[in-house]
Amino acid sequence: MLIKVKVYPNSKKEEIIKKSDDSFEIKVRAEAKRGEANKEVVEILSSYFNISDSRIRLIKGFKERSKIFEINL
């Protein structure tokens, strides 16, 4: 399953907002440096879908706010 995620780094609180079945907005506290925000997004998605981190893979948007993740349920 592929999902689209718009990431907001340097937020005051962590939050996940479901826009549609395959679209999310995620606010993270981490800065967008050295992939820290991407790691935090993976952790948030793994707890949201209740799966391990290894089943989530970033496919597109490594250095952009709009990202595409592959979720293996």
N, C-alpha and C. Protein backbone atom coordinates (compact mmCIF):
# COMPACT_ATOMS: atom_id res chain seq x y z
N MET A 1 0.84 -1.17 0.00
CA MET A 1 0.00 0.00 0.00
C MET A 1 0.89 1.24 0.00
N LEU A 2 0.61 2.18 -0.88
CA LEU A 2 1.35 3.42 -0.94
C LEU A 2 0.53 4.54 -0.31
N ILE A 3 1.19 5.38 0.48
CA ILE A 3 0.50 6.53 1.07
C ILE A 3 1.31 7.79 0.80
N LYS A 4 0.59 8.91 0.71
CA LYS A 4 1.23 10.22 0.54
C LYS A 4 1.26 10.90 1.90
N VAL A 5 2.40 11.50 2.23
CA VAL A 5 2.55 12.15 3.53
C VAL A 5 3.15 13.53 3.31
N LYS A 6 2.54 14.53 3.93
CA LYS A 6 3.13 15.87 3.94
C LYS A 6 3.67 16.08 5.36
N VAL A 7 4.97 16.37 5.45
CA VAL A 7 5.65 16.45 6.74
C VAL A 7 5.89 17.90 7.12
N TYR A 8 5.65 18.20 8.39
CA TYR A 8 5.92 19.52 8.95
C TYR A 8 6.96 19.37 10.06
N PRO A 9 8.25 19.57 9.73
CA PRO A 9 9.29 19.44 10.77
C PRO A 9 9.30 20.65 11.69
N ASN A 10 10.01 20.53 12.82
CA ASN A 10 10.15 21.60 13.83
C ASN A 10 8.82 22.04 14.42
N SER A 11 7.86 21.14 14.54
CA SER A 11 6.57 21.47 15.14
C SER A 11 6.66 21.41 16.66
N LYS A 12 5.72 22.04 17.32
CA LYS A 12 5.73 22.04 18.78
C LYS A 12 5.30 20.71 19.35
N LYS A 13 4.43 19.98 18.61
CA LYS A 13 3.98 18.67 19.09
C LYS A 13 3.89 17.70 17.93
N GLU A 14 3.96 16.41 18.25
CA GLU A 14 3.82 15.37 17.24
C GLU A 14 2.34 15.12 17.02
N GLU A 15 1.97 15.04 15.74
CA GLU A 15 0.56 14.87 15.42
C GLU A 15 0.44 14.21 14.05
N ILE A 16 -0.56 13.34 13.90
CA ILE A 16 -0.85 12.72 12.60
C ILE A 16 -2.31 13.03 12.26
N ILE A 17 -2.51 13.54 11.05
CA ILE A 17 -3.84 13.92 10.59
C ILE A 17 -4.14 13.13 9.32
N LYS A 18 -5.23 12.37 9.33
CA LYS A 18 -5.61 11.57 8.17
C LYS A 18 -6.49 12.42 7.28
N LYS A 19 -6.02 12.73 6.06
CA LYS A 19 -6.77 13.54 5.10
C LYS A 19 -7.70 12.67 4.26
N SER A 20 -7.22 11.49 3.85
CA SER A 20 -8.03 10.51 3.12
C SER A 20 -7.44 9.13 3.41
N ASP A 21 -7.90 8.12 2.70
CA ASP A 21 -7.42 6.76 2.95
C ASP A 21 -5.92 6.62 2.70
N ASP A 22 -5.39 7.39 1.74
CA ASP A 22 -3.97 7.25 1.41
C ASP A 22 -3.20 8.56 1.53
N SER A 23 -3.71 9.50 2.31
CA SER A 23 -3.06 10.81 2.44
C SER A 23 -3.05 11.26 3.90
N PHE A 24 -1.88 11.65 4.38
CA PHE A 24 -1.72 12.06 5.77
C PHE A 24 -0.90 13.34 5.86
N GLU A 25 -1.10 14.09 6.94
CA GLU A 25 -0.22 15.18 7.33
C GLU A 25 0.37 14.80 8.68
N ILE A 26 1.69 14.93 8.80
CA ILE A 26 2.36 14.54 10.04
C ILE A 26 3.24 15.68 10.51
N LYS A 27 3.05 16.08 11.76
CA LYS A 27 3.89 17.10 12.38
C LYS A 27 4.88 16.40 13.30
N VAL A 28 6.16 16.75 13.16
CA VAL A 28 7.20 16.14 13.98
C VAL A 28 8.05 17.22 14.63
N ARG A 29 8.63 16.87 15.77
CA ARG A 29 9.49 17.81 16.50
C ARG A 29 10.88 17.90 15.91
N ALA A 30 11.33 16.85 15.26
CA ALA A 30 12.70 16.78 14.74
C ALA A 30 12.92 17.79 13.63
N GLU A 31 14.19 18.20 13.49
CA GLU A 31 14.57 19.08 12.41
C GLU A 31 14.76 18.27 11.14
N ALA A 32 14.68 18.95 10.02
CA ALA A 32 14.86 18.28 8.73
C ALA A 32 16.34 18.23 8.36
N LYS A 33 17.14 17.65 9.23
CA LYS A 33 18.58 17.51 9.00
C LYS A 33 18.96 16.05 9.19
N ARG A 34 19.82 15.55 8.29
CA ARG A 34 20.37 14.19 8.38
C ARG A 34 19.28 13.12 8.50
N GLY A 35 18.11 13.36 7.93
CA GLY A 35 17.05 12.36 7.93
C GLY A 35 16.35 12.16 9.27
N GLU A 36 16.57 13.08 10.22
CA GLU A 36 15.95 12.92 11.54
C GLU A 36 14.43 12.97 11.46
N ALA A 37 13.90 13.91 10.67
CA ALA A 37 12.44 14.03 10.55
C ALA A 37 11.86 12.79 9.87
N ASN A 38 12.56 12.26 8.87
CA ASN A 38 12.09 11.05 8.18
C ASN A 38 12.02 9.86 9.15
N LYS A 39 13.01 9.71 10.01
CA LYS A 39 13.01 8.63 11.00
C LYS A 39 11.84 8.76 11.95
N GLU A 40 11.57 10.00 12.37
CA GLU A 40 10.46 10.22 13.29
C GLU A 40 9.12 9.95 12.61
N VAL A 41 9.00 10.28 11.33
CA VAL A 41 7.77 9.99 10.58
C VAL A 41 7.55 8.48 10.51
N VAL A 42 8.61 7.73 10.26
CA VAL A 42 8.49 6.26 10.20
C VAL A 42 8.02 5.72 11.55
N GLU A 43 8.55 6.25 12.66
CA GLU A 43 8.13 5.81 13.99
C GLU A 43 6.65 6.12 14.23
N ILE A 44 6.21 7.30 13.81
CA ILE A 44 4.80 7.68 14.01
C ILE A 44 3.89 6.80 13.16
N LEU A 45 4.28 6.55 11.92
CA LEU A 45 3.47 5.69 11.06
C LEU A 45 3.42 4.25 11.58
N SER A 46 4.54 3.76 12.12
CA SER A 46 4.54 2.39 12.64
C SER A 46 3.61 2.25 13.84
N SER A 47 3.55 3.26 14.68
CA SER A 47 2.62 3.17 15.82
C SER A 47 1.18 3.38 15.36
N TYR A 48 0.95 4.19 14.34
CA TYR A 48 -0.40 4.42 13.82
C TYR A 48 -0.97 3.15 13.20
N PHE A 49 -0.16 2.48 12.36
CA PHE A 49 -0.61 1.25 11.71
C PHE A 49 -0.36 0.01 12.55
N ASN A 50 0.30 0.16 13.70
CA ASN A 50 0.59 -0.93 14.62
C ASN A 50 1.41 -2.04 13.95
N ILE A 51 2.49 -1.61 13.26
CA ILE A 51 3.41 -2.54 12.62
C ILE A 51 4.84 -2.12 12.97
N SER A 52 5.82 -2.95 12.62
CA SER A 52 7.22 -2.62 12.94
C SER A 52 7.76 -1.61 11.93
N ASP A 53 8.82 -0.90 12.34
CA ASP A 53 9.46 0.11 11.49
C ASP A 53 9.98 -0.48 10.19
N SER A 54 10.40 -1.72 10.22
CA SER A 54 11.00 -2.35 9.04
C SER A 54 9.99 -2.59 7.92
N ARG A 55 8.70 -2.48 8.21
CA ARG A 55 7.67 -2.71 7.20
C ARG A 55 7.24 -1.41 6.52
N ILE A 56 7.93 -0.31 6.85
CA ILE A 56 7.64 1.00 6.24
C ILE A 56 8.88 1.45 5.51
N ARG A 57 8.69 1.88 4.24
CA ARG A 57 9.84 2.27 3.43
C ARG A 57 9.52 3.58 2.72
N LEU A 58 10.44 4.52 2.81
CA LEU A 58 10.32 5.79 2.11
C LEU A 58 10.73 5.58 0.66
N ILE A 59 9.82 5.88 -0.26
CA ILE A 59 10.08 5.64 -1.67
C ILE A 59 10.49 6.93 -2.39
N LYS A 60 9.79 8.02 -2.11
CA LYS A 60 10.03 9.26 -2.82
C LYS A 60 9.92 10.44 -1.87
N GLY A 61 10.79 11.45 -2.06
CA GLY A 61 10.70 12.67 -1.27
C GLY A 61 11.65 12.70 -0.09
N PHE A 62 12.87 12.19 -0.27
CA PHE A 62 13.82 12.12 0.84
C PHE A 62 14.16 13.50 1.39
N LYS A 63 14.19 14.52 0.52
CA LYS A 63 14.55 15.87 0.96
C LYS A 63 13.43 16.87 0.70
N GLU A 64 12.20 16.40 0.63
CA GLU A 64 11.05 17.26 0.38
C GLU A 64 10.00 17.05 1.46
N ARG A 65 9.06 17.98 1.54
CA ARG A 65 7.98 17.83 2.52
C ARG A 65 6.96 16.78 2.09
N SER A 66 6.69 16.71 0.80
CA SER A 66 5.74 15.73 0.29
C SER A 66 6.49 14.43 0.01
N LYS A 67 6.04 13.36 0.63
CA LYS A 67 6.73 12.08 0.55
C LYS A 67 5.75 10.98 0.18
N ILE A 68 6.29 9.89 -0.32
CA ILE A 68 5.49 8.69 -0.58
C ILE A 68 6.14 7.53 0.16
N PHE A 69 5.33 6.86 0.98
CA PHE A 69 5.81 5.72 1.76
C PHE A 69 5.10 4.46 1.28
N GLU A 70 5.82 3.34 1.36
CA GLU A 70 5.25 2.03 1.10
C GLU A 70 5.03 1.34 2.44
N ILE A 71 3.79 0.91 2.68
CA ILE A 71 3.43 0.25 3.93
C ILE A 71 3.13 -1.21 3.61
N ASN A 72 3.85 -2.13 4.23
CA ASN A 72 3.60 -3.57 4.07
C ASN A 72 2.83 -4.07 5.28
N LEU A 73 1.53 -4.17 5.14
CA LEU A 73 0.68 -4.61 6.26
C LEU A 73 0.69 -6.10 6.43
